N, C-alpha and C. Protein backbone atom coordinates (compact mmCIF):
# COMPACT_ATOMS: atom_id res chain seq x y z
N MET A 1 -417.76 97.42 -98.43
CA MET A 1 -416.61 96.40 -97.66
C MET A 1 -415.22 96.02 -98.17
N ASP A 2 -414.56 96.08 -97.10
CA ASP A 2 -412.88 95.82 -97.67
C ASP A 2 -412.99 94.41 -97.89
N ALA A 3 -411.46 94.21 -98.29
CA ALA A 3 -411.10 92.49 -98.41
C ALA A 3 -411.27 91.68 -97.23
N THR A 4 -410.64 92.50 -95.94
CA THR A 4 -410.72 91.90 -94.53
C THR A 4 -412.24 91.64 -94.15
N GLU A 5 -412.99 92.55 -94.23
CA GLU A 5 -414.42 92.36 -93.78
C GLU A 5 -415.07 91.10 -94.61
N LYS A 6 -414.76 91.26 -96.15
CA LYS A 6 -415.36 90.19 -96.72
C LYS A 6 -414.83 88.49 -96.22
N ILE A 7 -413.34 88.53 -96.11
CA ILE A 7 -412.92 87.51 -95.78
C ILE A 7 -413.59 86.96 -94.41
N ALA A 8 -413.65 87.89 -93.73
CA ALA A 8 -414.13 87.56 -92.07
C ALA A 8 -415.46 87.14 -91.96
N HIS A 9 -416.38 87.49 -92.95
CA HIS A 9 -417.84 87.39 -93.16
C HIS A 9 -417.99 85.73 -93.69
N PHE A 10 -416.96 85.57 -94.54
CA PHE A 10 -416.62 84.14 -95.13
C PHE A 10 -416.33 83.12 -94.27
N VAL A 11 -415.27 83.41 -93.43
CA VAL A 11 -415.03 82.51 -92.29
C VAL A 11 -416.20 82.50 -91.20
N VAL A 12 -416.85 83.75 -91.00
CA VAL A 12 -417.86 83.35 -89.72
C VAL A 12 -419.06 82.42 -90.35
N ASP A 13 -419.35 83.01 -91.72
CA ASP A 13 -420.74 82.26 -92.10
C ASP A 13 -420.92 81.08 -92.89
N LEU A 14 -419.85 80.66 -93.19
CA LEU A 14 -419.80 79.27 -93.83
C LEU A 14 -420.40 78.40 -92.69
N GLU A 15 -421.20 77.29 -93.17
CA GLU A 15 -421.63 76.28 -92.34
C GLU A 15 -421.35 75.14 -93.37
N TYR A 16 -421.08 73.97 -92.74
CA TYR A 16 -420.72 72.64 -93.38
C TYR A 16 -421.80 72.48 -94.32
N GLU A 17 -423.02 72.46 -93.70
CA GLU A 17 -424.33 72.43 -94.58
C GLU A 17 -424.02 72.99 -96.06
N LYS A 18 -423.47 74.04 -96.07
CA LYS A 18 -423.60 74.86 -97.67
C LYS A 18 -422.25 74.27 -98.21
N ILE A 19 -421.43 73.68 -97.74
CA ILE A 19 -420.49 73.14 -98.84
C ILE A 19 -420.81 72.08 -99.58
N PRO A 20 -420.59 72.47 -100.89
CA PRO A 20 -420.91 71.51 -102.05
C PRO A 20 -420.44 69.72 -101.50
N PRO A 21 -421.22 68.49 -101.71
CA PRO A 21 -420.32 67.45 -101.99
C PRO A 21 -419.15 67.18 -102.53
N LYS A 22 -418.84 67.87 -103.37
CA LYS A 22 -417.54 67.57 -104.38
C LYS A 22 -416.37 68.13 -103.48
N ALA A 23 -416.87 69.50 -102.93
CA ALA A 23 -415.59 70.05 -102.40
C ALA A 23 -415.37 69.28 -100.84
N VAL A 24 -416.53 68.94 -100.24
CA VAL A 24 -416.07 68.04 -98.86
C VAL A 24 -415.25 66.80 -99.43
N GLU A 25 -415.71 66.31 -100.52
CA GLU A 25 -415.02 65.06 -101.13
C GLU A 25 -413.04 65.09 -101.22
N VAL A 26 -413.30 66.40 -101.95
CA VAL A 26 -411.93 67.04 -102.26
C VAL A 26 -411.04 67.43 -100.69
N ALA A 27 -411.95 67.80 -99.97
CA ALA A 27 -411.31 68.22 -98.75
C ALA A 27 -410.96 67.01 -98.34
N LYS A 28 -411.66 65.77 -97.90
CA LYS A 28 -411.27 64.64 -97.40
C LYS A 28 -409.97 64.10 -97.81
N THR A 29 -410.03 63.87 -99.12
CA THR A 29 -408.68 63.58 -99.93
C THR A 29 -407.36 64.48 -99.40
N ALA A 30 -407.59 65.86 -99.72
CA ALA A 30 -406.56 66.56 -99.02
C ALA A 30 -406.08 66.35 -98.11
N LEU A 31 -406.92 65.91 -96.88
CA LEU A 31 -406.69 65.81 -95.48
C LEU A 31 -405.63 64.23 -95.84
N LEU A 32 -406.53 63.10 -96.04
CA LEU A 32 -405.65 61.92 -95.97
C LEU A 32 -404.28 62.27 -96.83
N ASP A 33 -404.29 62.75 -98.16
CA ASP A 33 -402.94 63.09 -98.69
C ASP A 33 -401.93 63.77 -97.61
N CYS A 34 -402.54 64.67 -96.82
CA CYS A 34 -401.30 65.59 -96.18
C CYS A 34 -401.02 64.43 -94.88
N LEU A 35 -401.73 64.00 -94.54
CA LEU A 35 -401.19 63.07 -93.81
C LEU A 35 -400.28 61.79 -93.93
N GLY A 36 -400.58 61.58 -95.28
CA GLY A 36 -399.52 60.60 -95.81
C GLY A 36 -398.41 60.97 -95.92
N VAL A 37 -398.17 62.23 -96.82
CA VAL A 37 -396.98 63.06 -96.69
C VAL A 37 -396.26 63.48 -95.58
N THR A 38 -397.04 63.69 -94.69
CA THR A 38 -396.50 64.08 -93.36
C THR A 38 -395.97 62.86 -92.59
N LEU A 39 -396.21 61.68 -92.61
CA LEU A 39 -395.78 60.51 -92.03
C LEU A 39 -394.32 60.27 -93.13
N ALA A 40 -394.43 60.51 -94.13
CA ALA A 40 -393.37 60.33 -95.03
C ALA A 40 -392.28 61.23 -94.54
N GLY A 41 -392.81 62.50 -94.57
CA GLY A 41 -391.54 63.62 -94.08
C GLY A 41 -391.14 63.55 -92.61
N SER A 42 -392.00 62.83 -91.97
CA SER A 42 -391.41 62.75 -90.30
C SER A 42 -390.21 62.09 -90.36
N GLN A 43 -389.79 61.43 -91.08
CA GLN A 43 -388.74 61.10 -91.14
C GLN A 43 -387.21 61.67 -91.56
N GLU A 44 -387.59 62.91 -92.18
CA GLU A 44 -386.63 63.83 -92.88
C GLU A 44 -385.74 64.91 -91.81
N GLU A 45 -384.56 65.11 -91.64
CA GLU A 45 -383.77 65.52 -90.72
C GLU A 45 -384.49 66.57 -90.36
N CYS A 46 -385.14 67.57 -91.18
CA CYS A 46 -385.56 69.11 -90.77
C CYS A 46 -386.78 68.48 -89.51
N ALA A 47 -387.73 67.66 -90.04
CA ALA A 47 -388.89 67.28 -89.34
C ALA A 47 -388.60 66.73 -87.79
N LYS A 48 -387.00 65.96 -87.81
CA LYS A 48 -386.86 65.46 -86.46
C LYS A 48 -386.51 66.17 -85.69
N ILE A 49 -385.86 67.47 -86.24
CA ILE A 49 -385.33 68.55 -85.64
C ILE A 49 -386.66 69.15 -84.72
N CYS A 50 -387.48 69.46 -85.76
CA CYS A 50 -388.68 70.21 -85.32
C CYS A 50 -389.30 69.24 -83.97
N ALA A 51 -389.54 68.17 -84.11
CA ALA A 51 -390.06 67.19 -83.29
C ALA A 51 -389.13 67.25 -82.03
N GLN A 52 -388.04 67.27 -82.17
CA GLN A 52 -387.16 67.50 -80.81
C GLN A 52 -387.68 68.64 -80.29
N ILE A 53 -387.31 69.53 -80.43
CA ILE A 53 -387.83 70.99 -80.30
C ILE A 53 -389.37 70.72 -79.55
N ALA A 54 -390.44 70.31 -79.92
CA ALA A 54 -391.37 70.04 -79.51
C ALA A 54 -391.47 69.02 -78.35
N ARG A 55 -390.44 68.43 -78.19
CA ARG A 55 -390.25 67.15 -77.05
C ARG A 55 -389.91 68.28 -75.79
N GLN A 56 -388.63 68.87 -76.21
CA GLN A 56 -387.79 69.63 -75.42
C GLN A 56 -388.68 70.90 -74.79
N GLU A 57 -389.86 70.96 -75.13
CA GLU A 57 -390.67 72.08 -74.58
C GLU A 57 -391.18 71.36 -73.38
N ALA A 58 -391.68 70.22 -73.62
CA ALA A 58 -392.48 69.73 -72.47
C ALA A 58 -393.51 70.37 -72.13
N GLY A 59 -394.24 70.77 -73.31
CA GLY A 59 -395.67 71.32 -72.83
C GLY A 59 -397.00 70.39 -72.90
N VAL A 60 -397.89 70.78 -72.29
CA VAL A 60 -399.28 69.97 -72.28
C VAL A 60 -399.33 69.18 -73.18
N GLY A 61 -399.40 67.84 -73.34
CA GLY A 61 -399.71 66.92 -74.11
C GLY A 61 -400.78 66.84 -74.78
N GLU A 62 -401.52 68.00 -75.69
CA GLU A 62 -402.82 68.04 -76.04
C GLU A 62 -402.81 67.86 -77.61
N ALA A 63 -401.88 67.58 -78.41
CA ALA A 63 -402.02 67.23 -79.93
C ALA A 63 -400.70 66.29 -80.20
N THR A 64 -400.75 65.33 -81.14
CA THR A 64 -399.86 64.31 -81.54
C THR A 64 -398.95 64.90 -82.43
N VAL A 65 -397.76 64.76 -82.21
CA VAL A 65 -396.35 65.03 -83.17
C VAL A 65 -396.42 63.58 -83.88
N PHE A 66 -396.76 63.74 -85.23
CA PHE A 66 -396.84 62.58 -85.82
C PHE A 66 -395.88 61.57 -86.15
N ALA A 67 -395.92 60.44 -85.94
CA ALA A 67 -394.78 59.32 -86.27
C ALA A 67 -393.48 59.52 -85.15
N GLN A 68 -393.70 60.51 -84.10
CA GLN A 68 -392.66 60.53 -83.21
C GLN A 68 -393.00 60.06 -81.76
N GLY A 69 -393.89 59.44 -81.54
CA GLY A 69 -394.84 58.79 -80.33
C GLY A 69 -394.60 59.45 -79.28
N PHE A 70 -395.31 60.81 -79.35
CA PHE A 70 -395.42 61.70 -78.15
C PHE A 70 -396.46 62.82 -78.59
N LYS A 71 -396.85 63.50 -77.63
CA LYS A 71 -397.85 64.64 -77.70
C LYS A 71 -397.10 65.69 -77.01
N SER A 72 -397.41 67.22 -77.78
CA SER A 72 -397.12 68.17 -77.12
C SER A 72 -397.89 69.23 -77.09
N SER A 73 -397.52 70.63 -76.93
CA SER A 73 -398.69 71.50 -77.30
C SER A 73 -399.40 71.37 -78.66
N ALA A 74 -400.43 72.39 -78.56
CA ALA A 74 -400.87 72.28 -80.12
C ALA A 74 -400.02 72.98 -81.04
N ILE A 75 -399.59 74.12 -80.41
CA ILE A 75 -398.43 74.84 -81.22
C ILE A 75 -397.39 74.27 -81.65
N GLN A 76 -396.71 73.50 -80.64
CA GLN A 76 -395.54 72.76 -81.09
C GLN A 76 -395.85 71.51 -82.38
N ALA A 77 -396.74 70.93 -81.63
CA ALA A 77 -397.30 69.77 -82.68
C ALA A 77 -397.56 70.25 -84.33
N ALA A 78 -398.36 71.34 -84.53
CA ALA A 78 -398.78 71.85 -85.69
C ALA A 78 -397.57 72.31 -86.43
N PHE A 79 -396.23 72.97 -85.58
CA PHE A 79 -394.88 73.23 -86.14
C PHE A 79 -394.18 72.07 -86.86
N ALA A 80 -394.07 71.34 -85.81
CA ALA A 80 -393.41 70.02 -85.87
C ALA A 80 -394.15 68.86 -87.25
N ASN A 81 -395.17 69.00 -87.11
CA ASN A 81 -396.10 68.22 -88.17
C ASN A 81 -396.27 69.08 -89.37
N GLY A 82 -396.16 70.70 -89.52
CA GLY A 82 -396.38 71.16 -90.47
C GLY A 82 -394.93 71.28 -91.35
N THR A 83 -393.97 71.23 -90.74
CA THR A 83 -392.59 70.93 -91.14
C THR A 83 -392.60 69.51 -92.00
N ALA A 84 -393.00 68.81 -91.29
CA ALA A 84 -392.96 67.59 -92.02
C ALA A 84 -393.91 67.17 -93.18
N ALA A 85 -395.05 67.86 -93.15
CA ALA A 85 -395.66 68.04 -94.36
C ALA A 85 -395.18 68.40 -95.55
N HIS A 86 -394.27 69.57 -95.63
CA HIS A 86 -393.65 70.23 -96.48
C HIS A 86 -392.37 69.47 -96.87
N ALA A 87 -391.74 68.91 -95.64
CA ALA A 87 -390.11 68.25 -96.20
C ALA A 87 -390.20 67.49 -97.45
N LEU A 88 -390.85 66.97 -97.70
CA LEU A 88 -390.44 66.08 -99.20
C LEU A 88 -391.08 66.68 -100.45
N ASP A 89 -391.76 68.15 -100.12
CA ASP A 89 -392.44 68.90 -101.41
C ASP A 89 -393.19 67.98 -101.92
N TYR A 90 -394.27 66.99 -101.20
CA TYR A 90 -394.87 66.16 -102.10
C TYR A 90 -396.55 66.67 -101.68
N ASP A 91 -396.76 67.78 -100.94
CA ASP A 91 -397.90 68.22 -100.12
C ASP A 91 -398.85 68.53 -101.42
N HIS A 92 -400.00 68.70 -101.11
CA HIS A 92 -401.17 68.63 -102.00
C HIS A 92 -400.70 70.27 -102.32
N SER A 93 -401.19 70.46 -103.76
CA SER A 93 -400.62 71.95 -103.97
C SER A 93 -401.86 72.64 -105.09
N PHE A 94 -401.44 73.64 -105.58
CA PHE A 94 -402.44 74.31 -106.47
C PHE A 94 -401.66 75.08 -107.30
N TYR A 95 -402.20 76.09 -108.08
CA TYR A 95 -401.28 76.82 -109.28
C TYR A 95 -400.64 77.76 -108.46
N MET A 96 -400.57 78.14 -107.06
CA MET A 96 -399.80 79.01 -106.62
C MET A 96 -399.30 78.54 -105.20
N GLY A 97 -398.63 77.33 -105.15
CA GLY A 97 -398.17 77.08 -103.92
C GLY A 97 -398.90 75.75 -103.00
N GLN A 98 -398.27 75.62 -102.01
CA GLN A 98 -398.91 74.29 -101.37
C GLN A 98 -399.45 74.71 -99.60
N PRO A 99 -400.61 75.62 -99.51
CA PRO A 99 -401.26 76.25 -98.45
C PRO A 99 -401.22 74.88 -97.69
N THR A 100 -401.72 73.78 -97.95
CA THR A 100 -402.17 72.81 -97.02
C THR A 100 -401.01 72.38 -95.81
N ALA A 101 -399.86 72.61 -96.19
CA ALA A 101 -398.51 72.16 -95.48
C ALA A 101 -398.64 72.96 -94.25
N GLY A 102 -399.23 74.32 -93.93
CA GLY A 102 -399.50 74.84 -92.77
C GLY A 102 -400.85 74.61 -92.62
N LEU A 103 -401.79 74.60 -93.16
CA LEU A 103 -403.25 74.62 -93.16
C LEU A 103 -403.58 73.21 -92.26
N ILE A 104 -403.48 72.01 -92.82
CA ILE A 104 -403.99 70.90 -92.24
C ILE A 104 -403.20 70.70 -91.07
N PRO A 105 -402.01 70.51 -90.99
CA PRO A 105 -401.29 70.50 -89.55
C PRO A 105 -401.61 71.35 -88.25
N ALA A 106 -402.30 72.59 -88.72
CA ALA A 106 -402.68 73.44 -87.62
C ALA A 106 -404.05 73.07 -87.45
N ILE A 107 -405.01 72.69 -88.29
CA ILE A 107 -406.38 72.43 -87.90
C ILE A 107 -406.34 71.08 -87.08
N ILE A 108 -405.25 70.00 -87.59
CA ILE A 108 -405.50 69.09 -86.82
C ILE A 108 -404.95 68.99 -85.52
N ALA A 109 -404.01 69.73 -85.19
CA ALA A 109 -403.30 70.05 -83.59
C ALA A 109 -404.41 70.64 -82.91
N LEU A 110 -404.87 71.93 -83.45
CA LEU A 110 -405.77 72.56 -82.78
C LEU A 110 -407.19 71.78 -82.47
N GLY A 111 -407.49 71.20 -83.51
CA GLY A 111 -408.95 70.33 -83.46
C GLY A 111 -408.62 69.41 -82.49
N GLU A 112 -407.60 68.54 -82.18
CA GLU A 112 -407.21 67.72 -81.21
C GLU A 112 -407.30 68.05 -79.81
N SER A 113 -406.48 69.41 -79.53
CA SER A 113 -406.75 69.95 -78.30
C SER A 113 -408.03 70.34 -77.88
N VAL A 114 -408.63 70.81 -78.86
CA VAL A 114 -410.17 71.40 -78.18
C VAL A 114 -411.24 70.59 -78.43
N GLY A 115 -410.89 69.26 -79.50
CA GLY A 115 -411.90 68.29 -79.15
C GLY A 115 -412.94 68.33 -80.41
N VAL A 116 -412.79 68.67 -81.79
CA VAL A 116 -413.83 68.99 -82.39
C VAL A 116 -414.04 67.70 -83.34
N ARG A 117 -414.96 67.78 -84.00
CA ARG A 117 -415.42 66.70 -84.84
C ARG A 117 -414.79 66.52 -86.14
N GLY A 118 -414.79 65.70 -86.97
CA GLY A 118 -414.49 65.37 -88.10
C GLY A 118 -414.95 66.46 -89.17
N ARG A 119 -416.48 67.14 -88.75
CA ARG A 119 -416.84 67.85 -89.83
C ARG A 119 -416.32 69.26 -89.81
N ASP A 120 -415.90 69.61 -88.21
CA ASP A 120 -415.42 70.65 -88.11
C ASP A 120 -414.31 70.82 -88.96
N LEU A 121 -413.26 69.97 -88.71
CA LEU A 121 -412.15 70.03 -89.68
C LEU A 121 -412.02 70.06 -91.20
N LEU A 122 -413.16 69.39 -91.70
CA LEU A 122 -413.39 69.53 -92.88
C LEU A 122 -413.74 70.87 -93.39
N GLU A 123 -414.93 71.62 -92.61
CA GLU A 123 -415.16 72.98 -92.59
C GLU A 123 -414.14 73.99 -92.53
N ALA A 124 -413.14 73.95 -91.29
CA ALA A 124 -412.13 74.59 -91.16
C ALA A 124 -411.26 74.35 -92.34
N TYR A 125 -410.70 73.45 -92.86
CA TYR A 125 -409.96 73.26 -94.42
C TYR A 125 -410.76 74.10 -95.44
N VAL A 126 -412.08 73.98 -95.53
CA VAL A 126 -412.36 74.42 -96.64
C VAL A 126 -412.34 76.34 -96.42
N VAL A 127 -412.39 76.67 -95.48
CA VAL A 127 -412.42 78.20 -95.22
C VAL A 127 -411.09 78.37 -95.67
N GLY A 128 -410.08 77.48 -95.05
CA GLY A 128 -408.50 78.10 -95.16
C GLY A 128 -408.30 78.03 -96.79
N PHE A 129 -408.44 76.89 -97.22
CA PHE A 129 -408.10 76.81 -98.80
C PHE A 129 -408.93 77.54 -99.74
N GLU A 130 -410.37 77.74 -99.38
CA GLU A 130 -410.97 78.71 -100.27
C GLU A 130 -410.15 80.01 -99.99
N VAL A 131 -410.51 80.79 -99.02
CA VAL A 131 -409.44 81.87 -98.91
C VAL A 131 -408.54 82.02 -99.68
N THR A 132 -407.37 81.14 -99.27
CA THR A 132 -406.02 81.22 -99.80
C THR A 132 -406.05 81.43 -101.34
N GLY A 133 -406.85 80.50 -101.83
CA GLY A 133 -407.13 80.72 -103.65
C GLY A 133 -407.56 82.02 -103.82
N LYS A 134 -408.64 82.82 -103.02
CA LYS A 134 -409.06 84.05 -103.44
C LYS A 134 -407.89 85.08 -103.50
N ILE A 135 -407.16 84.71 -102.40
CA ILE A 135 -406.20 86.01 -102.07
C ILE A 135 -405.17 85.95 -103.15
N VAL A 136 -404.74 84.58 -103.53
CA VAL A 136 -403.80 84.47 -104.71
C VAL A 136 -404.04 84.65 -106.04
N LYS A 137 -405.39 84.33 -106.45
CA LYS A 137 -405.91 84.69 -107.83
C LYS A 137 -405.31 85.60 -108.69
N PRO A 138 -405.83 87.00 -107.55
CA PRO A 138 -405.26 88.24 -108.64
C PRO A 138 -403.97 88.55 -108.76
N ILE A 139 -402.84 87.57 -107.85
CA ILE A 139 -401.45 87.85 -108.06
C ILE A 139 -400.87 87.82 -109.46
N PRO A 140 -400.25 88.67 -110.08
CA PRO A 140 -399.79 88.69 -111.65
C PRO A 140 -399.05 87.10 -111.60
N ASN A 141 -398.67 86.76 -112.63
CA ASN A 141 -398.02 85.79 -113.02
C ASN A 141 -396.67 86.05 -112.70
N GLU A 142 -396.02 87.29 -113.31
CA GLU A 142 -394.71 87.94 -113.15
C GLU A 142 -394.39 88.15 -111.71
N ALA A 143 -395.02 88.03 -110.77
CA ALA A 143 -394.89 88.36 -109.29
C ALA A 143 -394.65 86.29 -108.72
N ARG A 144 -395.23 85.60 -109.18
CA ARG A 144 -395.28 84.08 -108.95
C ARG A 144 -393.77 83.59 -108.96
N GLY A 145 -393.20 83.07 -107.97
CA GLY A 145 -392.09 82.29 -107.93
C GLY A 145 -390.73 83.26 -107.47
N SER A 146 -390.87 84.46 -107.12
CA SER A 146 -390.19 85.30 -106.21
C SER A 146 -390.05 85.33 -105.17
N TRP A 147 -390.97 84.50 -104.77
CA TRP A 147 -391.17 84.29 -103.24
C TRP A 147 -391.96 82.98 -102.66
N HIS A 148 -391.59 82.52 -101.43
CA HIS A 148 -392.25 81.03 -101.02
C HIS A 148 -393.65 81.16 -100.79
N SER A 149 -394.55 80.72 -101.38
CA SER A 149 -395.85 81.26 -101.29
C SER A 149 -396.41 80.26 -100.37
N THR A 150 -395.98 79.19 -100.14
CA THR A 150 -396.36 78.37 -98.93
C THR A 150 -396.31 79.07 -97.65
N GLY A 151 -395.23 79.50 -97.30
CA GLY A 151 -394.98 80.41 -96.21
C GLY A 151 -395.87 81.17 -95.82
N VAL A 152 -396.01 81.85 -96.90
CA VAL A 152 -397.04 83.12 -96.66
C VAL A 152 -398.38 82.73 -96.63
N LEU A 153 -398.84 81.73 -97.87
CA LEU A 153 -400.45 81.33 -97.77
C LEU A 153 -400.49 80.12 -96.82
N GLY A 154 -399.91 79.49 -96.42
CA GLY A 154 -399.88 78.80 -95.28
C GLY A 154 -400.36 79.22 -93.96
N THR A 155 -399.48 80.57 -93.72
CA THR A 155 -399.81 81.17 -92.36
C THR A 155 -401.24 81.61 -92.48
N LEU A 156 -401.65 82.10 -93.71
CA LEU A 156 -403.02 83.16 -93.74
C LEU A 156 -404.14 81.96 -93.60
N SER A 157 -403.73 80.85 -93.97
CA SER A 157 -404.87 79.74 -94.25
C SER A 157 -405.01 79.11 -93.00
N ALA A 158 -403.74 78.74 -92.37
CA ALA A 158 -403.79 78.28 -91.01
C ALA A 158 -404.78 79.04 -90.16
N ALA A 159 -404.50 80.46 -90.04
CA ALA A 159 -404.98 81.35 -89.17
C ALA A 159 -406.49 81.51 -89.12
N LEU A 160 -406.87 81.26 -90.52
CA LEU A 160 -408.26 81.75 -90.73
C LEU A 160 -409.16 80.45 -90.62
N ALA A 161 -408.47 79.38 -90.63
CA ALA A 161 -409.07 77.73 -90.32
C ALA A 161 -409.15 77.69 -89.19
N CYS A 162 -408.22 77.90 -88.10
CA CYS A 162 -408.27 78.10 -86.81
C CYS A 162 -409.33 78.67 -86.38
N ALA A 163 -409.37 80.27 -86.84
CA ALA A 163 -410.24 81.04 -86.62
C ALA A 163 -411.64 80.27 -86.43
N LYS A 164 -412.01 79.54 -87.27
CA LYS A 164 -413.07 79.04 -87.73
C LYS A 164 -413.15 77.82 -86.29
N LEU A 165 -412.20 76.87 -86.31
CA LEU A 165 -412.36 76.21 -85.51
C LEU A 165 -412.73 76.53 -84.17
N LEU A 166 -412.45 77.74 -83.75
CA LEU A 166 -412.39 78.40 -82.55
C LEU A 166 -413.45 79.23 -82.30
N LYS A 167 -414.44 78.97 -83.51
CA LYS A 167 -415.72 79.96 -83.72
C LYS A 167 -415.71 81.27 -83.44
N LEU A 168 -414.26 82.34 -83.51
CA LEU A 168 -414.32 83.52 -83.33
C LEU A 168 -415.51 84.22 -84.12
N ASP A 169 -415.57 85.51 -83.57
CA ASP A 169 -416.36 86.46 -84.06
C ASP A 169 -415.70 87.18 -85.04
N PHE A 170 -417.10 87.98 -85.97
CA PHE A 170 -416.35 88.60 -86.87
C PHE A 170 -415.17 89.77 -86.84
N GLU A 171 -415.05 90.57 -85.64
CA GLU A 171 -413.89 91.31 -85.23
C GLU A 171 -412.60 90.55 -84.89
N LYS A 172 -412.87 89.27 -84.25
CA LYS A 172 -411.55 88.83 -84.05
C LYS A 172 -411.38 87.92 -85.24
N VAL A 173 -411.90 87.40 -86.12
CA VAL A 173 -411.29 87.06 -87.17
C VAL A 173 -410.51 87.88 -88.04
N GLN A 174 -411.04 89.32 -87.93
CA GLN A 174 -410.48 90.21 -88.63
C GLN A 174 -409.02 90.24 -88.36
N MET A 175 -409.02 90.34 -86.82
CA MET A 175 -407.68 90.46 -86.10
C MET A 175 -406.90 89.44 -86.61
N ALA A 176 -407.36 88.05 -86.30
CA ALA A 176 -406.55 86.90 -86.92
C ALA A 176 -405.64 87.29 -88.07
N LEU A 177 -406.89 87.70 -88.80
CA LEU A 177 -406.18 87.96 -90.49
C LEU A 177 -405.09 88.68 -90.55
N GLY A 178 -405.02 90.21 -89.89
CA GLY A 178 -404.03 90.91 -89.71
C GLY A 178 -402.85 90.29 -89.01
N MET A 179 -402.98 90.01 -87.97
CA MET A 179 -401.81 89.27 -87.17
C MET A 179 -400.77 88.19 -88.03
N SER A 180 -402.06 87.15 -88.69
CA SER A 180 -401.19 86.36 -89.68
C SER A 180 -400.55 86.90 -90.82
N THR A 181 -401.18 87.91 -91.31
CA THR A 181 -400.41 88.88 -92.71
C THR A 181 -399.31 89.19 -92.22
N SER A 182 -398.92 89.85 -90.93
CA SER A 182 -397.96 90.66 -90.42
C SER A 182 -396.77 89.76 -90.09
N MET A 183 -397.23 88.37 -89.92
CA MET A 183 -396.47 87.27 -89.15
C MET A 183 -395.61 86.23 -90.59
N ALA A 184 -396.44 86.48 -91.92
CA ALA A 184 -396.32 85.54 -93.00
C ALA A 184 -394.98 86.14 -93.72
N SER A 185 -394.41 84.78 -93.93
CA SER A 185 -393.13 85.30 -94.82
C SER A 185 -392.59 84.38 -95.60
N GLY A 186 -392.20 84.27 -96.82
CA GLY A 186 -391.36 83.62 -97.56
C GLY A 186 -390.18 83.80 -98.31
N ILE A 187 -389.33 83.50 -98.36
CA ILE A 187 -388.21 84.10 -99.40
C ILE A 187 -387.63 82.68 -100.07
N VAL A 188 -387.45 82.83 -101.11
CA VAL A 188 -386.99 81.73 -102.37
C VAL A 188 -385.49 81.45 -101.83
N CYS A 189 -384.85 82.08 -100.98
CA CYS A 189 -383.16 81.65 -101.03
C CYS A 189 -383.01 80.52 -99.91
N ASN A 190 -384.28 80.06 -99.47
CA ASN A 190 -384.36 79.31 -98.42
C ASN A 190 -384.59 77.82 -99.52
N TYR A 191 -384.92 77.79 -100.70
CA TYR A 191 -385.03 76.72 -101.15
C TYR A 191 -383.78 75.77 -101.26
N GLY A 192 -384.05 74.38 -101.02
CA GLY A 192 -382.76 73.76 -100.92
C GLY A 192 -382.53 73.59 -99.79
N THR A 193 -382.91 73.86 -98.72
CA THR A 193 -382.44 73.93 -97.28
C THR A 193 -383.52 73.43 -96.37
N MET A 194 -383.13 72.88 -95.29
CA MET A 194 -384.23 72.38 -94.15
C MET A 194 -384.56 73.81 -93.39
N THR A 195 -384.44 74.56 -93.84
CA THR A 195 -385.14 76.02 -92.97
C THR A 195 -386.83 76.20 -94.21
N LYS A 196 -386.52 75.97 -95.58
CA LYS A 196 -387.88 75.80 -96.47
C LYS A 196 -389.09 75.45 -95.71
N PRO A 197 -388.94 74.00 -95.06
CA PRO A 197 -390.09 73.11 -94.87
C PRO A 197 -390.66 73.97 -93.74
């Protein structure tokens, strides 16, 4: 099996009951942490600009744009909330970036729009975070810091977590991974600008 097949099998096969209790506890903490930093970051100019874009879209009100008093499409809510989550750089991180800034806003927006349970969100979070950790682990130390890992890893983790929420089959998960990989980007010259979050 190649890496894409292994990842797809993990996404499809993981069930909430198989997640260790400690991992569920950590996932709950990460979700609450992300909501907190998103609310704080929602007052930053970059987040307000993204919220205004979501408002102007006048999309179907299927997902909440946090601290802005309206709903938009799941895509625009995830965009605005993801920007707010990363605006202050306090988002939950690990040794290689902050994948939760993209991951959690995406699963909350999609989850709200399709009506999933809390345990489904936790399951999706674990899928996205675990795969991200596995993808990043073999990257050599000298390659770290030369790219904005949040933009890359957040894209991949969000796509896989949303694939889990949508209960995509093995082939569609592979397609989601391929498409998200081709869309992932992150350059460090954006650091210090509103573009980064």
